[in-house]
């Protein structure tokens, strides 16, 4: 159940790490790429604005990351809810940090702006379908 929830959450998120748009987390809503609520929320219509998409590389997570997440989750759960909370926190931490691969890609927009983003491979496929690139 937790894994299903995290899959749905993760497949709509994009992290902008460099470029002409404000850095941070963006959410894909239809064909609109919207910055998660900030002071200057930026949005881009991907179906009309994308000129070119280049896949840069695949980012793999460390194989020990889920175990670190389980340990941190257990400590937080123990502190807040006792022994049962530690068990629940360990499970939640493990699932949240499980090694899902990500890709980085560069995007060139028709107005001359460009940016580098990190996302799941499924999200990149969806964006390519939306933008027809």
N, C-alpha and C. Protein backbone atom coordinates (compact mmCIF):
# COMPACT_ATOMS: atom_id res chain seq x y z
N UNK A 1 0.82 -1.18 0.00
CA UNK A 1 0.00 0.00 0.00
C UNK A 1 0.87 1.26 0.00
N UNK A 2 1.88 1.29 0.85
CA UNK A 2 2.78 2.44 0.89
C UNK A 2 3.51 2.59 -0.43
N UNK A 3 3.95 1.45 -0.99
CA UNK A 3 4.67 1.48 -2.25
C UNK A 3 3.80 2.05 -3.36
N UNK A 4 2.53 1.66 -3.41
CA UNK A 4 1.61 2.16 -4.43
C UNK A 4 1.43 3.68 -4.28
N UNK A 5 1.29 4.15 -3.04
CA UNK A 5 1.15 5.59 -2.80
C UNK A 5 2.40 6.34 -3.26
N UNK A 6 3.56 5.83 -2.92
CA UNK A 6 4.80 6.50 -3.29
C UNK A 6 5.01 6.49 -4.80
N UNK A 7 4.61 5.42 -5.49
CA UNK A 7 4.74 5.38 -6.94
C UNK A 7 3.91 6.48 -7.58
N UNK A 8 2.66 6.67 -7.11
CA UNK A 8 1.81 7.70 -7.68
C UNK A 8 2.38 9.09 -7.42
N UNK A 9 2.93 9.31 -6.24
CA UNK A 9 3.49 10.60 -5.89
C UNK A 9 4.74 10.89 -6.72
N UNK A 10 5.58 9.91 -6.86
CA UNK A 10 6.87 10.08 -7.50
C UNK A 10 6.75 10.31 -9.01
N UNK A 11 5.73 9.76 -9.64
CA UNK A 11 5.62 9.84 -11.09
C UNK A 11 5.09 11.17 -11.59
N UNK A 12 4.78 12.10 -10.72
CA UNK A 12 4.35 13.42 -11.17
C UNK A 12 5.35 14.50 -10.78
N UNK A 13 6.42 14.14 -10.13
CA UNK A 13 7.40 15.11 -9.64
C UNK A 13 8.63 15.18 -10.52
N UNK A 14 9.10 16.40 -10.71
CA UNK A 14 10.32 16.67 -11.47
C UNK A 14 11.15 17.64 -10.64
N UNK A 15 12.46 17.39 -10.55
CA UNK A 15 13.35 18.30 -9.81
C UNK A 15 14.20 19.06 -10.80
N UNK A 16 14.04 20.38 -10.86
CA UNK A 16 14.89 21.22 -11.70
C UNK A 16 16.14 21.56 -10.90
N UNK A 17 17.30 21.24 -11.47
CA UNK A 17 18.54 21.42 -10.73
C UNK A 17 19.44 22.50 -11.32
N UNK A 18 19.14 22.96 -12.53
CA UNK A 18 19.94 24.02 -13.15
C UNK A 18 19.17 24.61 -14.32
N UNK A 19 19.49 25.84 -14.67
CA UNK A 19 18.91 26.43 -15.86
C UNK A 19 18.25 27.77 -15.63
N UNK A 20 17.40 28.15 -16.58
CA UNK A 20 16.78 29.47 -16.59
C UNK A 20 15.49 29.55 -15.78
N UNK A 21 14.91 28.43 -15.41
CA UNK A 21 13.72 28.43 -14.56
C UNK A 21 14.16 28.32 -13.11
N UNK A 22 13.33 28.78 -12.17
CA UNK A 22 13.69 28.65 -10.74
C UNK A 22 13.90 27.19 -10.36
N UNK A 23 14.94 26.91 -9.58
CA UNK A 23 15.25 25.54 -9.15
C UNK A 23 14.19 25.07 -8.18
N UNK A 24 14.04 23.76 -8.07
CA UNK A 24 13.11 23.21 -7.10
C UNK A 24 12.28 22.09 -7.68
N UNK A 25 11.22 21.74 -6.97
CA UNK A 25 10.35 20.64 -7.36
C UNK A 25 9.17 21.18 -8.16
N UNK A 26 8.88 20.50 -9.26
CA UNK A 26 7.76 20.84 -10.11
C UNK A 26 6.84 19.63 -10.19
N UNK A 27 5.57 19.88 -10.48
CA UNK A 27 4.57 18.84 -10.59
C UNK A 27 3.98 18.89 -11.99
N UNK A 28 3.78 17.74 -12.62
CA UNK A 28 3.17 17.68 -13.94
C UNK A 28 1.66 17.53 -13.77
N UNK A 29 0.92 18.51 -14.26
CA UNK A 29 -0.54 18.51 -14.18
C UNK A 29 -1.07 18.64 -15.60
N UNK A 30 -1.42 17.49 -16.20
CA UNK A 30 -1.81 17.49 -17.61
C UNK A 30 -0.59 17.78 -18.45
N UNK A 31 -0.62 18.89 -19.21
CA UNK A 31 0.55 19.28 -19.99
C UNK A 31 1.29 20.45 -19.33
N UNK A 32 0.82 20.88 -18.17
CA UNK A 32 1.44 22.00 -17.46
C UNK A 32 2.45 21.50 -16.43
N UNK A 33 3.64 22.06 -16.49
CA UNK A 33 4.67 21.81 -15.50
C UNK A 33 4.61 22.97 -14.52
N UNK A 34 4.16 22.70 -13.28
CA UNK A 34 3.93 23.77 -12.30
C UNK A 34 4.88 23.61 -11.13
N UNK A 35 5.46 24.72 -10.74
CA UNK A 35 6.34 24.70 -9.58
C UNK A 35 5.49 24.52 -8.33
N UNK A 36 5.96 23.66 -7.43
CA UNK A 36 5.27 23.44 -6.18
C UNK A 36 5.26 24.75 -5.41
N UNK A 37 4.12 25.10 -4.85
CA UNK A 37 3.84 26.41 -4.23
C UNK A 37 5.04 27.10 -3.61
N UNK A 38 5.45 28.17 -4.24
CA UNK A 38 6.51 29.03 -3.73
C UNK A 38 6.06 30.47 -3.94
N UNK A 39 6.91 31.43 -3.58
CA UNK A 39 6.57 32.84 -3.77
C UNK A 39 6.36 33.18 -5.24
N UNK A 40 7.22 32.67 -6.10
CA UNK A 40 7.14 32.98 -7.52
C UNK A 40 6.86 31.71 -8.32
N UNK A 41 5.69 31.14 -8.13
CA UNK A 41 5.35 29.88 -8.80
C UNK A 41 5.43 30.03 -10.31
N UNK A 42 6.28 29.24 -10.91
CA UNK A 42 6.50 29.24 -12.35
C UNK A 42 5.72 28.09 -12.96
N UNK A 43 5.20 28.27 -14.18
CA UNK A 43 4.57 27.16 -14.88
C UNK A 43 4.91 27.24 -16.36
N UNK A 44 4.99 26.05 -16.99
CA UNK A 44 5.35 25.95 -18.40
C UNK A 44 4.40 24.96 -19.04
N UNK A 45 3.83 25.33 -20.19
CA UNK A 45 2.98 24.42 -20.95
C UNK A 45 3.89 23.58 -21.84
N UNK A 46 4.08 22.31 -21.48
CA UNK A 46 5.03 21.45 -22.20
C UNK A 46 4.58 21.13 -23.61
N UNK A 47 3.28 21.08 -23.86
CA UNK A 47 2.81 20.72 -25.20
C UNK A 47 3.10 21.83 -26.21
N UNK A 48 3.28 23.07 -25.74
CA UNK A 48 3.52 24.19 -26.65
C UNK A 48 4.93 24.76 -26.58
N UNK A 49 5.64 24.55 -25.47
CA UNK A 49 6.89 25.28 -25.23
C UNK A 49 8.17 24.51 -25.50
N UNK A 50 8.14 23.18 -25.47
CA UNK A 50 9.38 22.42 -25.56
C UNK A 50 9.84 22.31 -27.01
N UNK A 51 11.11 22.68 -27.22
CA UNK A 51 11.73 22.59 -28.55
C UNK A 51 12.52 21.30 -28.69
N UNK A 52 13.27 20.94 -27.61
CA UNK A 52 14.17 19.79 -27.70
C UNK A 52 14.40 19.21 -26.31
N UNK A 53 14.47 17.86 -26.24
CA UNK A 53 14.78 17.16 -25.00
C UNK A 53 15.96 16.24 -25.26
N UNK A 54 17.01 16.34 -24.43
CA UNK A 54 18.17 15.47 -24.55
C UNK A 54 18.37 14.70 -23.25
N UNK A 55 18.38 13.38 -23.34
CA UNK A 55 18.67 12.55 -22.17
C UNK A 55 20.15 12.66 -21.86
N UNK A 56 20.48 13.01 -20.61
CA UNK A 56 21.88 13.14 -20.23
C UNK A 56 22.43 11.84 -19.67
N UNK A 57 21.88 11.36 -18.54
CA UNK A 57 22.37 10.10 -17.99
C UNK A 57 21.36 9.54 -17.00
N UNK A 58 21.60 8.30 -16.61
CA UNK A 58 20.76 7.64 -15.62
C UNK A 58 21.43 7.78 -14.27
N UNK A 59 20.66 8.19 -13.28
CA UNK A 59 21.15 8.40 -11.93
C UNK A 59 20.70 7.20 -11.10
N UNK A 60 21.65 6.42 -10.60
CA UNK A 60 21.29 5.27 -9.76
C UNK A 60 21.57 5.61 -8.31
N UNK A 61 20.69 5.13 -7.46
CA UNK A 61 20.85 5.40 -6.03
C UNK A 61 21.75 4.36 -5.40
N UNK A 62 22.30 4.71 -4.26
CA UNK A 62 23.16 3.82 -3.50
C UNK A 62 22.35 2.62 -3.01
N UNK A 63 22.94 1.43 -3.06
CA UNK A 63 22.23 0.21 -2.67
C UNK A 63 21.91 0.16 -1.18
N UNK A 64 22.62 0.94 -0.36
CA UNK A 64 22.38 0.94 1.08
C UNK A 64 21.39 2.00 1.53
N UNK A 65 20.92 2.82 0.62
CA UNK A 65 20.01 3.91 0.95
C UNK A 65 18.72 3.43 1.63
N UNK A 66 18.08 2.33 1.19
CA UNK A 66 16.87 1.88 1.89
C UNK A 66 17.11 1.51 3.35
N UNK A 67 18.29 0.96 3.65
CA UNK A 67 18.59 0.58 5.03
C UNK A 67 18.81 1.80 5.92
N UNK A 68 19.40 2.83 5.35
CA UNK A 68 19.57 4.08 6.09
C UNK A 68 18.19 4.69 6.35
N UNK A 69 17.32 4.66 5.35
CA UNK A 69 15.96 5.16 5.52
C UNK A 69 15.20 4.39 6.58
N UNK A 70 15.39 3.07 6.61
CA UNK A 70 14.73 2.25 7.63
C UNK A 70 15.24 2.61 9.02
N UNK A 71 16.53 2.84 9.16
CA UNK A 71 17.09 3.21 10.46
C UNK A 71 16.58 4.56 10.94
N UNK A 72 16.55 5.53 10.05
CA UNK A 72 16.05 6.86 10.42
C UNK A 72 14.57 6.79 10.76
N UNK A 73 13.79 6.04 9.95
CA UNK A 73 12.37 5.88 10.22
C UNK A 73 12.11 5.21 11.55
N UNK A 74 12.93 4.21 11.88
CA UNK A 74 12.77 3.51 13.16
C UNK A 74 13.06 4.44 14.34
N UNK A 75 14.10 5.25 14.21
CA UNK A 75 14.42 6.19 15.29
C UNK A 75 13.32 7.22 15.50
N UNK A 76 12.81 7.75 14.41
CA UNK A 76 11.73 8.74 14.52
C UNK A 76 10.47 8.09 15.09
N UNK A 77 10.13 6.89 14.58
CA UNK A 77 8.96 6.18 15.08
C UNK A 77 9.09 5.83 16.55
N UNK A 78 10.26 5.40 16.98
CA UNK A 78 10.50 5.06 18.38
C UNK A 78 10.32 6.29 19.27
N UNK A 79 10.87 7.38 18.83
CA UNK A 79 10.79 8.63 19.61
C UNK A 79 9.35 9.12 19.75
N UNK A 80 8.57 8.98 18.69
CA UNK A 80 7.22 9.53 18.70
C UNK A 80 6.16 8.55 19.20
N UNK A 81 6.31 7.26 18.88
CA UNK A 81 5.23 6.31 19.16
C UNK A 81 5.66 5.05 19.90
N UNK A 82 6.90 4.97 20.31
CA UNK A 82 7.35 3.81 21.07
C UNK A 82 7.76 2.65 20.17
N UNK A 83 7.71 1.43 20.72
CA UNK A 83 8.19 0.24 20.01
C UNK A 83 7.42 -0.02 18.72
N UNK A 84 6.10 0.05 18.76
CA UNK A 84 5.33 -0.18 17.54
C UNK A 84 5.61 0.89 16.50
N UNK A 85 5.81 2.10 16.94
CA UNK A 85 6.16 3.18 16.03
C UNK A 85 7.50 2.96 15.36
N UNK A 86 8.43 2.34 16.09
CA UNK A 86 9.75 2.04 15.51
C UNK A 86 9.61 1.04 14.36
N UNK A 87 8.78 0.03 14.56
CA UNK A 87 8.59 -0.97 13.48
C UNK A 87 7.93 -0.32 12.27
N UNK A 88 6.90 0.46 12.50
CA UNK A 88 6.23 1.14 11.39
C UNK A 88 7.12 2.14 10.70
N UNK A 89 7.91 2.87 11.48
CA UNK A 89 8.83 3.84 10.91
C UNK A 89 9.91 3.19 10.07
N UNK A 90 10.39 2.02 10.50
CA UNK A 90 11.41 1.30 9.74
C UNK A 90 10.86 0.85 8.39
N UNK A 91 9.64 0.34 8.38
CA UNK A 91 9.02 -0.10 7.11
C UNK A 91 8.81 1.09 6.19
N UNK A 92 8.25 2.18 6.74
CA UNK A 92 8.00 3.37 5.92
C UNK A 92 9.31 3.95 5.39
N UNK A 93 10.34 4.03 6.23
CA UNK A 93 11.63 4.56 5.79
C UNK A 93 12.26 3.73 4.70
N UNK A 94 12.14 2.40 4.82
CA UNK A 94 12.69 1.51 3.80
C UNK A 94 12.00 1.74 2.45
N UNK A 95 10.67 1.81 2.45
CA UNK A 95 9.95 2.00 1.19
C UNK A 95 10.20 3.37 0.59
N UNK A 96 10.32 4.38 1.42
CA UNK A 96 10.54 5.73 0.90
C UNK A 96 11.90 5.87 0.24
N UNK A 97 12.88 5.12 0.70
CA UNK A 97 14.23 5.25 0.18
C UNK A 97 14.61 4.13 -0.78
N UNK A 98 13.65 3.26 -1.13
CA UNK A 98 14.01 2.14 -2.01
C UNK A 98 14.51 2.65 -3.35
N UNK A 99 15.48 1.97 -3.90
CA UNK A 99 16.23 2.43 -5.06
C UNK A 99 15.48 2.48 -6.38
N UNK A 100 14.81 3.55 -6.62
CA UNK A 100 14.19 3.78 -7.91
C UNK A 100 15.18 4.60 -8.74
N UNK A 101 15.42 4.16 -9.96
CA UNK A 101 16.35 4.89 -10.82
C UNK A 101 15.71 6.17 -11.33
N UNK A 102 16.54 7.15 -11.58
CA UNK A 102 16.09 8.42 -12.13
C UNK A 102 16.96 8.75 -13.33
N UNK A 103 16.48 9.65 -14.16
CA UNK A 103 17.25 10.12 -15.31
C UNK A 103 17.35 11.63 -15.25
N UNK A 104 18.41 12.16 -15.82
CA UNK A 104 18.53 13.60 -15.97
C UNK A 104 18.44 13.93 -17.45
N UNK A 105 17.81 15.05 -17.74
CA UNK A 105 17.62 15.46 -19.13
C UNK A 105 17.71 16.98 -19.23
N UNK A 106 18.15 17.46 -20.39
CA UNK A 106 18.14 18.89 -20.65
C UNK A 106 16.94 19.21 -21.54
N UNK A 107 16.31 20.32 -21.24
CA UNK A 107 15.15 20.78 -21.99
C UNK A 107 15.46 22.14 -22.59
N UNK A 108 15.18 22.31 -23.88
CA UNK A 108 15.29 23.60 -24.54
C UNK A 108 13.88 24.04 -24.89
N UNK A 109 13.54 25.26 -24.49
CA UNK A 109 12.20 25.79 -24.77
C UNK A 109 12.25 26.69 -26.00
N UNK A 110 11.11 26.88 -26.63
CA UNK A 110 11.04 27.68 -27.84
C UNK A 110 11.36 29.16 -27.60
N UNK A 111 11.19 29.62 -26.36
CA UNK A 111 11.49 31.03 -26.05
C UNK A 111 12.96 31.26 -25.71
N UNK A 112 13.81 30.23 -25.85
CA UNK A 112 15.24 30.38 -25.64
C UNK A 112 15.73 29.93 -24.27
N UNK A 113 14.84 29.70 -23.34
CA UNK A 113 15.24 29.24 -22.01
C UNK A 113 15.55 27.75 -22.06
N UNK A 114 16.36 27.29 -21.11
CA UNK A 114 16.68 25.87 -21.01
C UNK A 114 16.87 25.52 -19.54
N UNK A 115 16.75 24.22 -19.23
CA UNK A 115 16.96 23.77 -17.86
C UNK A 115 17.32 22.30 -17.85
N UNK A 116 17.90 21.86 -16.72
CA UNK A 116 18.23 20.45 -16.50
C UNK A 116 17.32 19.95 -15.39
N UNK A 117 16.71 18.79 -15.62
CA UNK A 117 15.77 18.23 -14.65
C UNK A 117 16.09 16.76 -14.39
N UNK A 118 15.73 16.30 -13.18
CA UNK A 118 15.89 14.91 -12.78
C UNK A 118 14.49 14.36 -12.50
N UNK A 119 14.19 13.18 -13.04
CA UNK A 119 12.86 12.58 -12.88
C UNK A 119 12.94 11.08 -13.10
N UNK A 120 11.82 10.40 -12.92
CA UNK A 120 11.76 8.96 -13.19
C UNK A 120 11.77 8.74 -14.71
N UNK A 121 12.23 7.58 -15.17
CA UNK A 121 12.20 7.30 -16.60
C UNK A 121 10.79 7.34 -17.19
N UNK A 122 9.79 6.91 -16.41
CA UNK A 122 8.41 6.96 -16.88
C UNK A 122 7.94 8.39 -17.10
N UNK A 123 8.38 9.29 -16.22
CA UNK A 123 8.00 10.69 -16.35
C UNK A 123 8.62 11.29 -17.61
N UNK A 124 9.86 10.95 -17.91
CA UNK A 124 10.49 11.45 -19.13
C UNK A 124 9.74 10.96 -20.36
N UNK A 125 9.32 9.71 -20.36
CA UNK A 125 8.54 9.18 -21.48
C UNK A 125 7.23 9.94 -21.63
N UNK A 126 6.57 10.22 -20.52
CA UNK A 126 5.30 10.96 -20.56
C UNK A 126 5.51 12.37 -21.10
N UNK A 127 6.58 13.03 -20.69
CA UNK A 127 6.86 14.39 -21.16
C UNK A 127 7.18 14.39 -22.64
N UNK A 128 7.93 13.39 -23.09
CA UNK A 128 8.22 13.30 -24.53
C UNK A 128 6.95 13.11 -25.34
N UNK A 129 6.01 12.32 -24.81
CA UNK A 129 4.74 12.12 -25.51
C UNK A 129 3.92 13.42 -25.54
N UNK A 130 3.92 14.15 -24.43
CA UNK A 130 3.16 15.40 -24.37
C UNK A 130 3.74 16.44 -25.30
N UNK A 131 5.08 16.57 -25.29
CA UNK A 131 5.73 17.63 -26.07
C UNK A 131 6.04 17.21 -27.50
N UNK A 132 5.86 15.94 -27.82
CA UNK A 132 6.14 15.40 -29.16
C UNK A 132 7.60 15.60 -29.56
N UNK A 133 8.51 15.43 -28.61
CA UNK A 133 9.97 15.55 -28.87
C UNK A 133 10.64 14.20 -28.75
